Amino acid sequence: MEPSWKHADVFPIIARVIEQAYREHQRFITAQEIAARLLQDSEGRNLVEAAREQQQQPQSLERLASNAPSSRPFGPICVKVVSPNW
């Protein structure tokens, strides 16, 4: 089974929502916050919905969205977007 997430499609969206949240709050953005923002973002939500359609046993959109920022390779790279000196 192929992965539901394609790095080239999802990473720019994850990076964008992290940058937006960081500009708002000036602090580390949690995976839960990233997931919630992915579902609020039209592009992000479309990708999460597309991933859900690929599953044999669909999960909730919230659960799928929470998997995106915490899965490899996204987690470690996302931190670098906001904090390049990490």
PDB file of N, CA and C in Angstrom:
ATOM      1  N   MET A   1       0.840  -1.186   0.000  1.00  0.00           N
ATOM      2  CA  MET A   1       0.000   0.000   0.000  1.00  0.00           C
ATOM      3  C   MET A   1       0.889   1.254   0.000  1.00  0.00           C
ATOM      4  N   GLU A   2       0.599   2.176  -0.860  1.00  0.00           N
ATOM      5  CA  GLU A   2       1.357   3.420  -0.928  1.00  0.00           C
ATOM      6  C   GLU A   2       0.959   4.336   0.225  1.00  0.00           C
ATOM      7  N   PRO A   3       1.880   5.188   0.658  1.00  0.00           N
ATOM      8  CA  PRO A   3       1.533   6.114   1.743  1.00  0.00           C
ATOM      9  C   PRO A   3       0.463   7.108   1.297  1.00  0.00           C
ATOM     10  N   SER A   4      -0.335   7.540   2.256  1.00  0.00           N
ATOM     11  CA  SER A   4      -1.395   8.506   1.965  1.00  0.00           C
ATOM     12  C   SER A   4      -0.841   9.902   1.726  1.00  0.00           C
ATOM     13  N   TRP A   5       0.342  10.175   2.297  1.00  0.00           N
ATOM     14  CA  TRP A   5       0.924  11.512   2.207  1.00  0.00           C
ATOM     15  C   TRP A   5       2.058  11.524   1.213  1.00  0.00           C
ATOM     16  N   LYS A   6       2.043  12.471   0.322  1.00  0.00           N
ATOM     17  CA  LYS A   6       3.165  12.696  -0.568  1.00  0.00           C
ATOM     18  C   LYS A   6       3.876  13.947  -0.068  1.00  0.00           C
ATOM     19  N   HIS A   7       5.131  13.781   0.301  1.00  0.00           N
ATOM     20  CA  HIS A   7       5.919  14.858   0.893  1.00  0.00           C
ATOM     21  C   HIS A   7       5.824  16.154   0.090  1.00  0.00           C
ATOM     22  N   ALA A   8       5.981  16.068  -1.210  1.00  0.00           N
ATOM     23  CA  ALA A   8       5.981  17.268  -2.061  1.00  0.00           C
ATOM     24  C   ALA A   8       4.643  18.003  -2.011  1.00  0.00           C
ATOM     25  N   ASP A   9       3.565  17.292  -1.734  1.00  0.00           N
ATOM     26  CA  ASP A   9       2.242  17.923  -1.674  1.00  0.00           C
ATOM     27  C   ASP A   9       1.940  18.490  -0.289  1.00  0.00           C
ATOM     28  N   VAL A  10       2.279  17.728   0.736  1.00  0.00           N
ATOM     29  CA  VAL A  10       1.853  18.079   2.089  1.00  0.00           C
ATOM     30  C   VAL A  10       2.827  19.015   2.806  1.00  0.00           C
ATOM     31  N   PHE A  11       4.126  18.837   2.599  1.00  0.00           N
ATOM     32  CA  PHE A  11       5.088  19.638   3.345  1.00  0.00           C
ATOM     33  C   PHE A  11       4.891  21.146   3.194  1.00  0.00           C
ATOM     34  N   PRO A  12       4.693  21.665   1.984  1.00  0.00           N
ATOM     35  CA  PRO A  12       4.507  23.122   1.877  1.00  0.00           C
ATOM     36  C   PRO A  12       3.293  23.629   2.665  1.00  0.00           C
ATOM     37  N   ILE A  13       2.259  22.820   2.737  1.00  0.00           N
ATOM     38  CA  ILE A  13       1.064  23.224   3.483  1.00  0.00           C
ATOM     39  C   ILE A  13       1.348  23.193   4.977  1.00  0.00           C
ATOM     40  N   ILE A  14       1.999  22.131   5.433  1.00  0.00           N
ATOM     41  CA  ILE A  14       2.357  22.043   6.850  1.00  0.00           C
ATOM     42  C   ILE A  14       3.283  23.202   7.217  1.00  0.00           C
ATOM     43  N   ALA A  15       4.260  23.465   6.376  1.00  0.00           N
ATOM     44  CA  ALA A  15       5.184  24.573   6.643  1.00  0.00           C
ATOM     45  C   ALA A  15       4.438  25.899   6.728  1.00  0.00           C
ATOM     46  N   ARG A  16       3.502  26.108   5.826  1.00  0.00           N
ATOM     47  CA  ARG A  16       2.733  27.362   5.817  1.00  0.00           C
ATOM     48  C   ARG A  16       1.905  27.526   7.092  1.00  0.00           C
ATOM     49  N   VAL A  17       1.220  26.461   7.520  1.00  0.00           N
ATOM     50  CA  VAL A  17       0.389  26.607   8.714  1.00  0.00           C
ATOM     51  C   VAL A  17       1.251  26.790   9.959  1.00  0.00           C
ATOM     52  N   ILE A  18       2.434  26.173   9.984  1.00  0.00           N
ATOM     53  CA  ILE A  18       3.344  26.386  11.114  1.00  0.00           C
ATOM     54  C   ILE A  18       3.821  27.835  11.134  1.00  0.00           C
ATOM     55  N   GLU A  19       4.234  28.327   9.981  1.00  0.00           N
ATOM     56  CA  GLU A  19       4.719  29.714   9.915  1.00  0.00           C
ATOM     57  C   GLU A  19       3.634  30.709  10.323  1.00  0.00           C
ATOM     58  N   GLN A  20       2.406  30.490   9.858  1.00  0.00           N
ATOM     59  CA  GLN A  20       1.295  31.378  10.222  1.00  0.00           C
ATOM     60  C   GLN A  20       1.033  31.340  11.722  1.00  0.00           C
ATOM     61  N   ALA A  21       1.005  30.149  12.279  1.00  0.00           N
ATOM     62  CA  ALA A  21       0.750  30.007  13.715  1.00  0.00           C
ATOM     63  C   ALA A  21       1.886  30.613  14.530  1.00  0.00           C
ATOM     64  N   TYR A  22       3.120  30.404  14.068  1.00  0.00           N
ATOM     65  CA  TYR A  22       4.259  30.955  14.793  1.00  0.00           C
ATOM     66  C   TYR A  22       4.233  32.482  14.775  1.00  0.00           C
ATOM     67  N   ARG A  23       3.889  33.071  13.640  1.00  0.00           N
ATOM     68  CA  ARG A  23       3.786  34.532  13.568  1.00  0.00           C
ATOM     69  C   ARG A  23       2.734  35.059  14.546  1.00  0.00           C
ATOM     70  N   GLU A  24       1.656  34.313  14.704  1.00  0.00           N
ATOM     71  CA  GLU A  24       0.575  34.707  15.622  1.00  0.00           C
ATOM     72  C   GLU A  24       0.999  34.599  17.083  1.00  0.00           C
ATOM     73  N   HIS A  25       1.652  33.495  17.438  1.00  0.00           N
ATOM     74  CA  HIS A  25       1.884  33.170  18.846  1.00  0.00           C
ATOM     75  C   HIS A  25       3.328  33.310  19.322  1.00  0.00           C
ATOM     76  N   GLN A  26       4.293  33.358  18.395  1.00  0.00           N
ATOM     77  CA  GLN A  26       5.712  33.479  18.737  1.00  0.00           C
ATOM     78  C   GLN A  26       6.165  32.409  19.739  1.00  0.00           C
ATOM     79  N   ARG A  27       5.761  31.171  19.473  1.00  0.00           N
ATOM     80  CA  ARG A  27       6.151  30.053  20.323  1.00  0.00           C
ATOM     81  C   ARG A  27       6.113  28.773  19.504  1.00  0.00           C
ATOM     82  N   PHE A  28       6.596  27.694  20.096  1.00  0.00           N
ATOM     83  CA  PHE A  28       6.540  26.393  19.459  1.00  0.00           C
ATOM     84  C   PHE A  28       5.088  26.033  19.176  1.00  0.00           C
ATOM     85  N   ILE A  29       4.817  25.480  18.005  1.00  0.00           N
ATOM     86  CA  ILE A  29       3.452  25.100  17.627  1.00  0.00           C
ATOM     87  C   ILE A  29       3.332  23.580  17.747  1.00  0.00           C
ATOM     88  N   THR A  30       2.370  23.131  18.526  1.00  0.00           N
ATOM     89  CA  THR A  30       2.223  21.696  18.784  1.00  0.00           C
ATOM     90  C   THR A  30       1.647  20.962  17.573  1.00  0.00           C
ATOM     91  N   ALA A  31       1.860  19.657  17.569  1.00  0.00           N
ATOM     92  CA  ALA A  31       1.306  18.820  16.501  1.00  0.00           C
ATOM     93  C   ALA A  31      -0.217  18.917  16.475  1.00  0.00           C
ATOM     94  N   GLN A  32      -0.844  19.031  17.641  1.00  0.00           N
ATOM     95  CA  GLN A  32      -2.307  19.169  17.694  1.00  0.00           C
ATOM     96  C   GLN A  32      -2.760  20.461  17.021  1.00  0.00           C
ATOM     97  N   GLU A  33      -2.021  21.533  17.262  1.00  0.00           N
ATOM     98  CA  GLU A  33      -2.366  22.808  16.632  1.00  0.00           C
ATOM     99  C   GLU A  33      -2.169  22.746  15.117  1.00  0.00           C
ATOM    100  N   ILE A  34      -1.102  22.087  14.696  1.00  0.00           N
ATOM    101  CA  ILE A  34      -0.843  21.939  13.266  1.00  0.00           C
ATOM    102  C   ILE A  34      -1.981  21.148  12.624  1.00  0.00           C
ATOM    103  N   ALA A  35      -2.381  20.068  13.250  1.00  0.00           N
ATOM    104  CA  ALA A  35      -3.464  19.235  12.718  1.00  0.00           C
ATOM    105  C   ALA A  35      -4.761  20.033  12.597  1.00  0.00           C
ATOM    106  N   ALA A  36      -5.092  20.789  13.626  1.00  0.00           N
ATOM    107  CA  ALA A  36      -6.318  21.595  13.583  1.00  0.00           C
ATOM    108  C   ALA A  36      -6.249  22.618  12.459  1.00  0.00           C
ATOM    109  N   ARG A  37      -5.095  23.250  12.306  1.00  0.00           N
ATOM    110  CA  ARG A  37      -4.933  24.244  11.242  1.00  0.00           C
ATOM    111  C   ARG A  37      -4.950  23.613   9.853  1.00  0.00           C
ATOM    112  N   LEU A  38      -4.456  22.390   9.737  1.00  0.00           N
ATOM    113  CA  LEU A  38      -4.532  21.696   8.448  1.00  0.00           C
ATOM    114  C   LEU A  38      -5.979  21.539   8.003  1.00  0.00           C
ATOM    115  N   LEU A  39      -6.844  21.216   8.961  1.00  0.00           N
ATOM    116  CA  LEU A  39      -8.259  21.039   8.624  1.00  0.00           C
ATOM    117  C   LEU A  39      -8.970  22.367   8.369  1.00  0.00           C
ATOM    118  N   GLN A  40      -8.445  23.451   8.904  1.00  0.00           N
ATOM    119  CA  GLN A  40      -9.022  24.770   8.664  1.00  0.00           C
ATOM    120  C   GLN A  40      -8.548  25.355   7.334  1.00  0.00           C
ATOM    121  N   ASP A  41      -7.414  24.877   6.850  1.00  0.00           N
ATOM    122  CA  ASP A  41      -6.824  25.343   5.599  1.00  0.00           C
ATOM    123  C   ASP A  41      -7.470  24.578   4.440  1.00  0.00           C
ATOM    124  N   SER A  42      -7.942  25.271   3.408  1.00  0.00           N
ATOM    125  CA  SER A  42      -8.657  24.583   2.327  1.00  0.00           C
ATOM    126  C   SER A  42      -7.779  23.563   1.609  1.00  0.00           C
ATOM    127  N   GLU A  43      -6.539  23.909   1.299  1.00  0.00           N
ATOM    128  CA  GLU A  43      -5.636  22.951   0.655  1.00  0.00           C
ATOM    129  C   GLU A  43      -5.321  21.780   1.576  1.00  0.00           C
ATOM    130  N   GLY A  44      -5.063  22.095   2.835  1.00  0.00           N
ATOM    131  CA  GLY A  44      -4.756  21.052   3.804  1.00  0.00           C
ATOM    132  C   GLY A  44      -5.908  20.084   3.975  1.00  0.00           C
ATOM    133  N   ARG A  45      -7.105  20.629   4.103  1.00  0.00           N
ATOM    134  CA  ARG A  45      -8.280  19.773   4.280  1.00  0.00           C
ATOM    135  C   ARG A  45      -8.498  18.884   3.060  1.00  0.00           C
ATOM    136  N   ASN A  46      -8.297  19.452   1.860  1.00  0.00           N
ATOM    137  CA  ASN A  46      -8.452  18.647   0.643  1.00  0.00           C
ATOM    138  C   ASN A  46      -7.482  17.472   0.623  1.00  0.00           C
ATOM    139  N   LEU A  47      -6.244  17.696   1.045  1.00  0.00           N
ATOM    140  CA  LEU A  47      -5.267  16.604   1.072  1.00  0.00           C
ATOM    141  C   LEU A  47      -5.619  15.551   2.127  1.00  0.00           C
ATOM    142  N   VAL A  48      -6.102  16.001   3.269  1.00  0.00           N
ATOM    143  CA  VAL A  48      -6.501  15.052   4.321  1.00  0.00           C
ATOM    144  C   VAL A  48      -7.693  14.218   3.831  1.00  0.00           C
ATOM    145  N   GLU A  49      -8.651  14.875   3.184  1.00  0.00           N
ATOM    146  CA  GLU A  49      -9.809  14.147   2.656  1.00  0.00           C
ATOM    147  C   GLU A  49      -9.388  13.152   1.578  1.00  0.00           C
ATOM    148  N   ALA A  50      -8.441  13.538   0.728  1.00  0.00           N
ATOM    149  CA  ALA A  50      -7.952  12.622  -0.315  1.00  0.00           C
ATOM    150  C   ALA A  50      -7.247  11.422   0.306  1.00  0.00           C
ATOM    151  N   ALA A  51      -6.484  11.666   1.355  1.00  0.00           N
ATOM    152  CA  ALA A  51      -5.811  10.560   2.042  1.00  0.00           C
ATOM    153  C   ALA A  51      -6.833   9.612   2.653  1.00  0.00           C
ATOM    154  N   ARG A  52      -7.890  10.173   3.186  1.00  0.00           N
ATOM    155  CA  ARG A  52      -8.938   9.345   3.806  1.00  0.00           C
ATOM    156  C   ARG A  52      -9.597   8.435   2.774  1.00  0.00           C
ATOM    157  N   GLU A  53      -9.798   8.960   1.572  1.00  0.00           N
ATOM    158  CA  GLU A  53     -10.428   8.170   0.515  1.00  0.00           C
ATOM    159  C   GLU A  53      -9.567   6.981   0.096  1.00  0.00           C
ATOM    160  N   GLN A  54      -8.263   7.059   0.309  1.00  0.00           N
ATOM    161  CA  GLN A  54      -7.345   5.976  -0.069  1.00  0.00           C
ATOM    162  C   GLN A  54      -7.345   4.835   0.941  1.00  0.00           C
ATOM    163  N   GLN A  55      -7.873   5.056   2.112  1.00  0.00           N
ATOM    164  CA  GLN A  55      -7.811   4.051   3.166  1.00  0.00           C
ATOM    165  C   GLN A  55      -8.888   2.990   3.011  1.00  0.00           C
ATOM    166  N   GLN A  56      -8.511   1.767   3.355  1.00  0.00           N
ATOM    167  CA  GLN A  56      -9.487   0.684   3.338  1.00  0.00           C
ATOM    168  C   GLN A  56     -10.444   0.817   4.511  1.00  0.00           C
ATOM    169  N   GLN A  57      -9.927   1.232   5.665  1.00  0.00           N
ATOM    170  CA  GLN A  57     -10.746   1.472   6.846  1.00  0.00           C
ATOM    171  C   GLN A  57     -10.549   2.935   7.238  1.00  0.00           C
ATOM    172  N   PRO A  58     -11.384   3.812   6.694  1.00  0.00           N
ATOM    173  CA  PRO A  58     -11.174   5.248   6.906  1.00  0.00           C
ATOM    174  C   PRO A  58     -11.164   5.660   8.377  1.00  0.00           C
ATOM    175  N   GLN A  59     -10.220   6.537   8.683  1.00  0.00           N
ATOM    176  CA  GLN A  59     -10.127   7.144  10.012  1.00  0.00           C
ATOM    177  C   GLN A  59     -10.814   8.502   9.955  1.00  0.00           C
ATOM    178  N   SER A  60     -11.006   9.103  11.110  1.00  0.00           N
ATOM    179  CA  SER A  60     -11.587  10.443  11.131  1.00  0.00           C
ATOM    180  C   SER A  60     -10.601  11.422  10.506  1.00  0.00           C
ATOM    181  N   LEU A  61     -11.117  12.523   9.997  1.00  0.00           N
ATOM    182  CA  LEU A  61     -10.255  13.556   9.423  1.00  0.00           C
ATOM    183  C   LEU A  61      -9.301  14.100  10.473  1.00  0.00           C
ATOM    184  N   GLU A  62      -9.773  14.230  11.693  1.00  0.00           N
ATOM    185  CA  GLU A  62      -8.942  14.760  12.771  1.00  0.00           C
ATOM    186  C   GLU A  62      -7.749  13.844  13.040  1.00  0.00           C
ATOM    187  N   ARG A  63      -8.014  12.560  13.052  1.00  0.00           N
ATOM    188  CA  ARG A  63      -6.918  11.607  13.302  1.00  0.00           C
ATOM    189  C   ARG A  63      -5.902  11.614  12.163  1.00  0.00           C
ATOM    190  N   LEU A  64      -6.396  11.635  10.940  1.00  0.00           N
ATOM    191  CA  LEU A  64      -5.492  11.689   9.792  1.00  0.00           C
ATOM    192  C   LEU A  64      -4.665  12.971   9.796  1.00  0.00           C
ATOM    193  N   ALA A  65      -5.318  14.076  10.088  1.00  0.00           N
ATOM    194  CA  ALA A  65      -4.597  15.352  10.120  1.00  0.00           C
ATOM    195  C   ALA A  65      -3.529  15.332  11.202  1.00  0.00           C
ATOM    196  N   SER A  66      -3.804  14.697  12.316  1.00  0.00           N
ATOM    197  CA  SER A  66      -2.814  14.642  13.395  1.00  0.00           C
ATOM    198  C   SER A  66      -1.644  13.736  13.043  1.00  0.00           C
ATOM    199  N   ASN A  67      -1.842  12.796  12.129  1.00  0.00           N
ATOM    200  CA  ASN A  67      -0.752  11.923  11.698  1.00  0.00           C
ATOM    201  C   ASN A  67       0.254  12.660  10.814  1.00  0.00           C
ATOM    202  N   ALA A  68      -0.195  13.629  10.049  1.00  0.00           N
ATOM    203  CA  ALA A  68       0.675  14.294   9.069  1.00  0.00           C
ATOM    204  C   ALA A  68       1.880  14.981   9.698  1.00  0.00           C
ATOM    205  N   PRO A  69       1.709  15.880  10.666  1.00  0.00           N
ATOM    206  CA  PRO A  69       2.893  16.568  11.179  1.00  0.00           C
ATOM    207  C   PRO A  69       3.788  15.705  12.058  1.00  0.00           C
ATOM    208  N   SER A  70       3.263  14.608  12.573  1.00  0.00           N
ATOM    209  CA  SER A  70       4.082  13.783  13.472  1.00  0.00           C
ATOM    210  C   SER A  70       4.753  12.616  12.766  1.00  0.00           C
ATOM    211  N   SER A  71       4.394  12.388  11.503  1.00  0.00           N
ATOM    212  CA  SER A  71       4.988  11.262  10.791  1.00  0.00           C
ATOM    213  C   SER A  71       6.304  11.658  10.137  1.00  0.00           C
ATOM    214  N   ARG A  72       7.124  10.664   9.884  1.00  0.00           N
ATOM    215  CA  ARG A  72       8.373  10.925   9.173  1.00  0.00           C
ATOM    216  C   ARG A  72       8.043  11.151   7.721  1.00  0.00           C
ATOM    217  N   PRO A  73       8.694  12.007   7.032  1.00  0.00           N
ATOM    218  CA  PRO A  73       9.781  12.875   7.455  1.00  0.00           C
ATOM    219  C   PRO A  73       9.328  14.234   7.948  1.00  0.00           C
ATOM    220  N   PHE A  74       8.028  14.422   8.138  1.00  0.00           N
ATOM    221  CA  PHE A  74       7.516  15.754   8.422  1.00  0.00           C
ATOM    222  C   PHE A  74       7.901  16.308   9.775  1.00  0.00           C
ATOM    223  N   GLY A  75       7.794  15.526  10.833  1.00  0.00           N
ATOM    224  CA  GLY A  75       8.060  16.026  12.180  1.00  0.00           C
ATOM    225  C   GLY A  75       9.377  16.752  12.331  1.00  0.00           C
ATOM    226  N   PRO A  76      10.496  16.086  12.090  1.00  0.00           N
ATOM    227  CA  PRO A  76      11.785  16.764  12.279  1.00  0.00           C
ATOM    228  C   PRO A  76      11.986  17.952  11.342  1.00  0.00           C
ATOM    229  N   ILE A  77      11.485  17.857  10.127  1.00  0.00           N
ATOM    230  CA  ILE A  77      11.670  18.935   9.159  1.00  0.00           C
ATOM    231  C   ILE A  77      10.824  20.147   9.530  1.00  0.00           C
ATOM    232  N   CYS A  78       9.620  19.926  10.030  1.00  0.00           N
ATOM    233  CA  CYS A  78       8.740  21.038  10.380  1.00  0.00           C
ATOM    234  C   CYS A  78       9.352  21.924  11.440  1.00  0.00           C
ATOM    235  N   VAL A  79      10.050  21.339  12.384  1.00  0.00           N
ATOM    236  CA  VAL A  79      10.697  22.137  13.426  1.00  0.00           C
ATOM    237  C   VAL A  79      11.703  23.085  12.794  1.00  0.00           C
ATOM    238  N   LYS A  80      12.412  22.625  11.780  1.00  0.00           N
ATOM    239  CA  LYS A  80      13.430  23.433  11.120  1.00  0.00           C
ATOM    240  C   LYS A  80      12.826  24.624  10.376  1.00  0.00           C
ATOM    241  N   VAL A  81      11.593  24.524   9.929  1.00  0.00           N
ATOM    242  CA  VAL A  81      10.959  25.621   9.201  1.00  0.00           C
ATOM    243  C   VAL A  81      10.901  26.873  10.047  1.00  0.00           C
ATOM    244  N   VAL A  82      10.487  26.719  11.287  1.00  0.00           N
ATOM    245  CA  VAL A  82      10.315  27.856  12.170  1.00  0.00           C
ATOM    246  C   VAL A  82      11.582  28.147  12.957  1.00  0.00           C
ATOM    247  N   SER A  83      12.322  27.126  13.298  1.00  0.00           N
ATOM    248  CA  SER A  83      13.507  27.299  14.129  1.00  0.00           C
ATOM    249  C   SER A  83      14.723  26.679  13.446  1.00  0.00           C
ATOM    250  N   PRO A  84      15.314  27.366  12.456  1.00  0.00           N
ATOM    251  CA  PRO A  84      16.415  26.769  11.703  1.00  0.00           C
ATOM    252  C   PRO A  84      17.647  26.477  12.547  1.00  0.00           C
ATOM    253  N   ASN A  85      17.772  27.071  13.715  1.00  0.00           N
ATOM    254  CA  ASN A  85      18.924  26.824  14.571  1.00  0.00           C
ATOM    255  C   ASN A  85      18.708  25.667  15.539  1.00  0.00           C
ATOM    256  N   TRP A  86      17.599  24.990  15.442  1.00  0.00           N
ATOM    257  CA  TRP A  86      17.252  23.896  16.359  1.00  0.00           C
ATOM    258  C   TRP A  86      18.322  22.838  16.310  1.00  0.00           C
TER     259      TRP A  86
END
